[in-house]
Amino acid sequence: MACFQLQFSSLLFAPEAGCKRENRRIAMPRMHATILSFLSLFALSALELSLGTVAHAQEMYLDGSQFGAVNLTITQSSVNLNLEQVLGENPNYELLSTYDEASRFHKLGKPVGRLDILLGNGRMTFCTASIVSKDYIITNFHCIPGTHSSPPTQASLLMDYLRIDTPEGTERYAVSVTPVEQNKELDYVILRVEGNPAAQFGNISMDIRDPKPGESLLVVHHPAGLPKHLTRGGCRARTPKALSGNNILHLCDTLPGSSGAPVFSDEDGRFIGLHFAGGTAPGVGMSNFAKRIRLIIKKSPILTEVVASAAGGQDQGGDAVSEPGAPIVGGPREHYRAG
């Protein structure tokens, strides 16, 4: 295999330690396509390893010294996609920044950010998370508290990461690693976030319903820790069966880092699924999987109140929702601008 690393911060392909240096500078749009194509090749070669299974999306683990950085450096040894599926040879990833800020895609994706997680063993990983109210975000249970070999010690939410060349335009918020709500079966966790990011970015719009078979969907996420992307092309609920137990079966391209991403209906813009895995489903073949928000809301007192307040016209960027609560541990207590 090739011996190089992808340096997002310097826009260079660079070799890992001990490898012959053959740096190549490339244009930014081409760089995104090249990175995603490279990762997709690994994902597609791993499909045989996961046939007939539904498995949690496998995170990328990086050196913990990168925690707090906006642009991440990912080495080839970090790319292990056995448990995450990319559906199709040509990924349908679009940078959200290529759309006008007034577009509905920007508005849908505004409350979505990258959740960076520092582990006790000195490594870090990342997922996607969404703001649900002044004090709370939602992501996957397998991200935090997680199924990692070492527990999370710090976390932060990176918002407005839209382009590699403008990291100074991002905002970062401290996140508690102590769950306020969690459910392993539904693979969701509610975490406390400091600094009220909802005041600037709003909160995600949820709906208590499931997708119809074949319904057009879209995903807003940070695949491979890259700037915010939109997956829309070929993104739809499976037919003739869109549901399997707690799961929505969908055909939306994802990568590690997409775990916890919101799956929206492209028809009404409602958040109806929480992406968590790739694999295959008996009788329907290869799929990606999202947990049904309808069932998560039913289980979650916080989300039940958020939805009820939204229905009553109450601004969730204002007063906090009541909750059992837990203090922030392991991390800065103030909202700060990412550099």
Protein backbone atom coordinates (compact mmCIF):
# COMPACT_ATOMS: atom_id res chain seq x y z
CA MET A 1 0.00 0.00 0.00
CA ALA A 2 1.02 3.64 -0.45
CA CYS A 3 2.96 5.14 2.43
CA PHE A 4 1.64 8.65 3.05
CA GLN A 5 -0.53 10.76 5.28
CA LEU A 6 -3.19 13.31 4.44
CA GLN A 7 -2.27 16.66 5.93
CA PHE A 8 -5.48 18.68 5.82
CA SER A 9 -3.89 21.66 7.60
CA SER A 10 -1.14 22.24 5.01
CA LEU A 11 -3.10 20.90 2.03
CA LEU A 12 -0.31 18.42 1.32
CA PHE A 13 -0.06 14.69 0.87
CA ALA A 14 2.90 13.85 3.12
CA PRO A 15 4.60 10.51 3.93
CA GLU A 16 4.51 8.91 7.35
CA ALA A 17 7.73 8.66 9.38
CA GLY A 18 10.30 6.46 7.66
CA CYS A 19 8.73 6.79 4.22
CA LYS A 20 10.22 8.49 1.20
CA ARG A 21 8.96 12.08 0.98
CA GLU A 22 6.96 12.81 -2.15
CA ASN A 23 4.83 15.85 -1.27
CA ARG A 24 2.33 17.07 -3.80
CA ARG A 25 0.35 20.29 -3.41
CA ILE A 26 -3.09 20.11 -4.94
CA ALA A 27 -6.02 22.45 -5.42
CA MET A 28 -8.58 22.42 -2.59
CA PRO A 29 -11.64 21.13 -4.52
CA ARG A 30 -9.53 18.34 -5.99
CA MET A 31 -8.06 17.62 -2.57
CA HIS A 32 -11.50 16.94 -1.08
CA ALA A 33 -12.40 14.60 -3.94
CA THR A 34 -9.06 12.81 -3.66
CA ILE A 35 -9.30 12.33 0.10
CA LEU A 36 -12.84 10.99 -0.08
CA SER A 37 -12.04 8.74 -3.03
CA PHE A 38 -9.01 7.38 -1.16
CA LEU A 39 -11.11 6.63 1.92
CA SER A 40 -13.84 5.10 -0.22
CA LEU A 41 -11.43 2.59 -1.71
CA PHE A 42 -10.66 1.33 1.79
CA ALA A 43 -14.35 1.18 2.64
CA LEU A 44 -15.27 -0.74 -0.50
CA SER A 45 -12.43 -3.22 -0.04
CA ALA A 46 -13.76 -3.91 3.46
CA LEU A 47 -17.32 -4.74 2.44
CA GLU A 48 -16.66 -8.47 2.37
CA LEU A 49 -15.62 -8.31 6.02
CA SER A 50 -19.01 -6.99 7.11
CA LEU A 51 -21.49 -8.80 4.89
CA GLY A 52 -24.54 -9.94 6.78
CA THR A 53 -23.79 -7.74 9.77
CA VAL A 54 -24.98 -4.50 11.31
CA ALA A 55 -22.11 -2.97 13.24
CA HIS A 56 -21.32 0.33 14.90
CA ALA A 57 -19.38 2.74 12.72
CA GLN A 58 -15.71 2.47 13.56
CA GLU A 59 -14.07 5.72 14.58
CA MET A 60 -10.70 6.97 13.45
CA TYR A 61 -8.23 7.30 16.31
CA LEU A 62 -5.63 10.06 16.10
CA ASP A 63 -2.84 11.29 18.35
CA GLY A 64 -4.34 13.29 21.20
CA SER A 65 -2.02 16.22 20.50
CA GLN A 66 -4.47 17.14 17.74
CA PHE A 67 -7.33 17.65 20.18
CA GLY A 68 -8.40 21.28 19.86
CA ALA A 69 -7.12 21.59 16.27
CA VAL A 70 -9.54 22.52 13.51
CA ASN A 71 -7.80 20.90 10.55
CA LEU A 72 -6.82 17.33 11.43
CA THR A 73 -3.95 15.24 10.07
CA ILE A 74 -5.02 11.68 9.27
CA THR A 75 -2.38 9.03 8.57
CA GLN A 76 -3.02 5.95 6.45
CA SER A 77 -2.75 3.80 9.58
CA SER A 78 -5.79 5.67 10.97
CA VAL A 79 -7.97 4.63 8.02
CA ASN A 80 -9.70 1.39 9.02
CA LEU A 81 -13.21 1.29 7.64
CA ASN A 82 -14.26 -2.30 8.25
CA LEU A 83 -17.40 -1.22 10.07
CA GLU A 84 -18.42 1.86 8.08
CA GLN A 85 -19.89 1.54 4.62
CA VAL A 86 -19.62 3.92 1.72
CA LEU A 87 -22.32 3.04 -0.78
CA GLY A 88 -21.02 3.35 -4.30
CA GLU A 89 -17.68 3.96 -5.97
CA ASN A 90 -18.31 7.69 -6.46
CA PRO A 91 -19.24 9.27 -3.10
CA ASN A 92 -22.05 11.81 -3.18
CA TYR A 93 -20.32 14.23 -0.84
CA GLU A 94 -20.81 17.97 -1.33
CA LEU A 95 -19.12 20.67 0.71
CA LEU A 96 -21.87 22.65 2.40
CA SER A 97 -19.88 25.81 1.73
CA THR A 98 -20.56 25.42 -2.00
CA TYR A 99 -24.19 26.37 -1.34
CA ASP A 100 -25.38 29.91 -0.73
CA GLU A 101 -25.75 30.75 2.96
CA ALA A 102 -29.43 31.47 2.39
CA SER A 103 -30.03 27.95 1.03
CA ARG A 104 -32.18 25.52 2.96
CA PHE A 105 -29.20 23.18 3.22
CA HIS A 106 -27.19 25.77 5.13
CA LYS A 107 -30.14 26.41 7.40
CA LEU A 108 -30.63 22.69 8.08
CA GLY A 109 -26.94 22.15 8.74
CA LYS A 110 -26.28 25.22 10.88
CA PRO A 111 -26.88 23.42 14.25
CA VAL A 112 -24.62 20.51 13.23
CA GLY A 113 -20.97 20.35 14.31
CA ARG A 114 -17.97 18.10 14.80
CA LEU A 115 -17.63 16.53 18.22
CA ASP A 116 -13.95 16.08 19.13
CA ILE A 117 -13.25 13.54 21.88
CA LEU A 118 -10.03 13.14 23.88
CA LEU A 119 -9.48 9.71 25.45
CA GLY A 120 -7.64 8.72 28.60
CA ASN A 121 -4.99 6.85 26.62
CA GLY A 122 -3.79 10.02 24.89
CA ARG A 123 -5.66 9.35 21.64
CA MET A 124 -8.59 11.29 20.16
CA THR A 125 -11.50 10.56 17.89
CA PHE A 126 -14.45 12.50 16.47
CA CYS A 127 -18.14 12.19 15.61
CA THR A 128 -20.92 14.48 14.39
CA ALA A 129 -23.35 16.08 16.85
CA SER A 130 -26.37 18.39 16.71
CA ILE A 131 -27.61 21.16 18.99
CA VAL A 132 -31.04 20.37 20.42
CA SER A 133 -31.39 23.25 22.92
CA LYS A 134 -29.48 25.94 24.78
CA ASP A 135 -27.72 23.38 26.97
CA TYR A 136 -27.76 20.10 25.06
CA ILE A 137 -26.43 18.27 22.01
CA ILE A 138 -27.23 14.79 20.69
CA THR A 139 -24.86 12.22 19.21
CA ASN A 140 -24.28 8.45 19.34
CA PHE A 141 -23.83 6.53 22.58
CA HIS A 142 -20.91 4.73 20.94
CA CYS A 143 -19.14 8.12 20.63
CA ILE A 144 -19.62 9.13 24.29
CA PRO A 145 -19.38 7.33 26.68
CA GLY A 146 -18.39 5.09 23.81
CA THR A 147 -17.04 1.65 23.13
CA HIS A 148 -13.45 2.89 23.15
CA SER A 149 -10.61 1.04 24.83
CA SER A 150 -10.10 4.10 27.04
CA PRO A 151 -12.84 6.41 28.39
CA PRO A 152 -13.33 10.00 27.18
CA THR A 153 -11.79 12.67 29.38
CA GLN A 154 -12.61 15.81 27.36
CA ALA A 155 -14.86 16.81 24.50
CA SER A 156 -15.63 19.91 22.50
CA LEU A 157 -18.10 20.90 19.79
CA LEU A 158 -16.60 22.58 16.73
CA MET A 159 -19.14 24.73 14.89
CA ASP A 160 -19.06 26.49 11.51
CA TYR A 161 -16.21 24.36 10.19
CA LEU A 162 -17.01 24.88 6.52
CA ARG A 163 -13.65 25.25 4.79
CA ILE A 164 -10.10 24.07 5.44
CA ASP A 165 -8.63 27.46 4.57
CA THR A 166 -10.71 29.45 7.10
CA PRO A 167 -10.23 27.73 10.49
CA GLU A 168 -10.29 31.11 12.23
CA GLY A 169 -14.00 31.41 11.40
CA THR A 170 -14.99 28.45 13.58
CA GLU A 171 -16.39 28.42 17.12
CA ARG A 172 -15.64 25.78 19.76
CA TYR A 173 -17.70 24.91 22.84
CA ALA A 174 -16.79 22.75 25.85
CA VAL A 175 -18.90 19.58 26.19
CA SER A 176 -19.34 17.39 29.26
CA VAL A 177 -18.26 13.78 28.89
CA THR A 178 -20.80 12.80 31.57
CA PRO A 179 -24.08 11.87 29.82
CA VAL A 180 -27.26 13.63 30.89
CA GLU A 181 -29.26 10.92 29.10
CA GLN A 182 -28.02 7.77 27.40
CA ASN A 183 -29.44 4.65 25.81
CA LYS A 184 -27.16 2.00 24.35
CA GLU A 185 -29.92 0.15 22.49
CA LEU A 186 -31.00 3.32 20.68
CA ASP A 187 -27.36 4.43 20.44
CA TYR A 188 -28.02 7.99 21.53
CA VAL A 189 -26.65 10.25 24.22
CA ILE A 190 -27.59 13.76 25.34
CA LEU A 191 -24.60 15.81 26.50
CA ARG A 192 -24.39 19.19 28.18
CA VAL A 193 -22.68 21.90 26.14
CA GLU A 194 -21.47 25.22 27.57
CA GLY A 195 -21.70 28.68 26.04
CA ASN A 196 -25.24 28.41 24.56
CA PRO A 197 -24.30 27.62 20.93
CA ALA A 198 -28.03 27.60 20.10
CA ALA A 199 -28.05 31.39 20.40
CA GLN A 200 -25.79 31.60 17.34
CA PHE A 201 -26.51 28.40 15.46
CA GLY A 202 -30.08 27.51 16.46
CA ASN A 203 -31.32 24.01 17.25
CA ILE A 204 -32.15 21.10 15.04
CA SER A 205 -35.78 20.59 13.99
CA MET A 206 -37.09 17.14 14.93
CA ASP A 207 -40.20 15.28 13.86
CA ILE A 208 -41.99 12.37 15.51
CA ARG A 209 -42.29 10.22 12.41
CA ASP A 210 -40.49 7.61 10.34
CA PRO A 211 -39.48 7.91 6.69
CA LYS A 212 -41.56 6.33 3.96
CA PRO A 213 -39.90 3.65 1.80
CA GLY A 214 -38.01 5.45 -0.94
CA GLU A 215 -38.36 8.87 0.72
CA SER A 216 -35.63 11.33 -0.30
CA LEU A 217 -33.22 11.99 2.56
CA LEU A 218 -30.09 14.02 3.21
CA VAL A 219 -27.28 13.85 5.77
CA VAL A 220 -25.23 16.75 7.15
CA HIS A 221 -21.98 15.49 8.65
CA HIS A 222 -18.21 15.76 9.09
CA PRO A 223 -16.95 12.70 7.16
CA ALA A 224 -13.38 11.82 8.15
CA GLY A 225 -13.31 14.97 10.29
CA LEU A 226 -13.41 17.15 7.18
CA PRO A 227 -15.41 20.39 6.91
CA LYS A 228 -19.18 20.05 6.98
CA HIS A 229 -20.56 18.07 4.04
CA LEU A 230 -23.97 17.34 2.61
CA THR A 231 -24.85 13.88 1.30
CA ARG A 232 -27.92 14.11 -0.89
CA GLY A 233 -27.29 12.33 -4.19
CA GLY A 234 -28.68 8.79 -4.01
CA CYS A 235 -29.66 9.43 -0.40
CA ARG A 236 -33.02 7.82 0.34
CA ALA A 237 -34.81 5.35 2.57
CA ARG A 238 -34.63 1.77 1.35
CA THR A 239 -37.44 0.13 -0.54
CA PRO A 240 -39.59 -1.80 -0.10
CA LYS A 241 -38.59 -1.82 3.58
CA ALA A 242 -37.37 1.37 5.26
CA LEU A 243 -37.47 0.16 8.88
CA SER A 244 -35.96 -2.74 10.79
CA GLY A 245 -36.62 -2.74 14.53
CA ASN A 246 -35.13 0.46 15.99
CA ASN A 247 -33.38 1.26 12.73
CA ILE A 248 -33.98 3.23 9.57
CA LEU A 249 -32.38 1.60 6.52
CA HIS A 250 -30.91 4.28 4.28
CA LEU A 251 -28.67 4.63 1.23
CA CYS A 252 -26.74 7.77 2.18
CA ASP A 253 -22.95 7.78 1.83
CA THR A 254 -21.04 8.16 5.11
CA LEU A 255 -17.53 7.75 6.55
CA PRO A 256 -15.99 7.53 10.01
CA GLY A 257 -16.79 10.86 11.65
CA SER A 258 -20.37 10.63 10.34
CA SER A 259 -21.52 8.77 13.47
CA GLY A 260 -24.17 10.83 15.24
CA ALA A 261 -25.07 12.77 12.09
CA PRO A 262 -28.68 13.83 11.57
CA VAL A 263 -30.60 12.17 8.75
CA PHE A 264 -33.16 14.65 7.43
CA SER A 265 -36.18 14.22 5.23
CA ASP A 266 -35.42 16.06 1.99
CA GLU A 267 -39.16 16.66 1.66
CA ASP A 268 -39.78 18.71 4.82
CA GLY A 269 -36.32 19.19 6.36
CA ARG A 270 -37.16 17.30 9.55
CA PHE A 271 -34.55 15.40 11.57
CA ILE A 272 -35.92 11.85 11.53
CA GLY A 273 -32.86 9.60 12.03
CA LEU A 274 -29.56 9.47 13.92
CA HIS A 275 -26.93 7.82 11.71
CA PHE A 276 -24.88 5.20 13.53
CA ALA A 277 -23.63 2.35 11.32
CA GLY A 278 -23.20 0.58 8.02
CA GLY A 279 -23.59 -3.07 7.06
CA THR A 280 -26.24 -5.28 5.53
CA ALA A 281 -29.81 -6.03 6.48
CA PRO A 282 -31.37 -9.49 6.01
CA GLY A 283 -33.52 -9.58 2.89
CA VAL A 284 -32.62 -6.10 1.66
CA GLY A 285 -28.84 -6.20 1.15
CA MET A 286 -26.34 -3.45 1.86
CA SER A 287 -27.58 -0.45 3.83
CA ASN A 288 -26.50 2.25 6.16
CA PHE A 289 -28.38 2.57 9.41
CA ALA A 290 -29.87 5.34 11.52
CA LYS A 291 -31.77 5.11 14.78
CA ARG A 292 -35.39 6.22 14.57
CA ILE A 293 -35.78 9.67 16.14
CA ARG A 294 -39.41 8.84 16.75
CA LEU A 295 -38.34 6.13 19.21
CA ILE A 296 -35.55 8.25 20.72
CA ILE A 297 -37.97 11.09 21.47
CA LYS A 298 -40.38 8.63 23.04
CA LYS A 299 -37.58 7.42 25.33
CA SER A 300 -36.04 10.82 26.11
CA PRO A 301 -37.64 13.22 28.63
CA ILE A 302 -35.38 16.03 27.41
CA LEU A 303 -36.25 15.61 23.72
CA THR A 304 -39.93 15.16 24.56
CA GLU A 305 -39.86 18.55 26.26
CA VAL A 306 -37.84 20.12 23.46
CA VAL A 307 -40.34 18.95 20.84
CA ALA A 308 -43.30 20.07 22.97
CA SER A 309 -41.72 23.50 23.51
CA ALA A 310 -40.99 23.88 19.79
CA ALA A 311 -44.58 22.96 18.97
CA GLY A 312 -45.72 25.64 21.42
CA GLY A 313 -43.47 28.24 19.80
CA GLN A 314 -40.93 28.46 22.65
CA ASP A 315 -37.40 29.34 21.59
CA GLN A 316 -35.06 26.59 22.76
CA GLY A 317 -32.13 28.99 22.44
CA GLY A 318 -33.59 30.75 25.48
CA ASP A 319 -34.47 29.11 28.74
CA ALA A 320 -32.89 25.74 29.42
CA VAL A 321 -34.90 22.57 29.50
CA SER A 322 -35.24 20.94 32.91
CA GLU A 323 -33.03 17.87 33.38
CA PRO A 324 -31.31 15.74 35.99
CA GLY A 325 -28.00 17.38 35.08
CA ALA A 326 -24.33 16.71 35.68
CA PRO A 327 -21.44 19.16 36.02
CA ILE A 328 -18.95 19.65 33.22
CA VAL A 329 -15.85 17.53 33.87
CA GLY A 330 -12.51 17.45 32.13
CA GLY A 331 -12.29 20.52 29.95
CA PRO A 332 -12.55 24.29 29.65
CA ARG A 333 -15.66 25.85 31.09
CA GLU A 334 -15.92 28.80 28.77
CA HIS A 335 -16.90 29.08 25.14
CA TYR A 336 -13.87 30.01 23.10
CA ARG A 337 -13.04 30.74 19.48
CA ALA A 338 -11.13 28.00 17.66
CA GLY A 339 -7.88 29.00 16.04
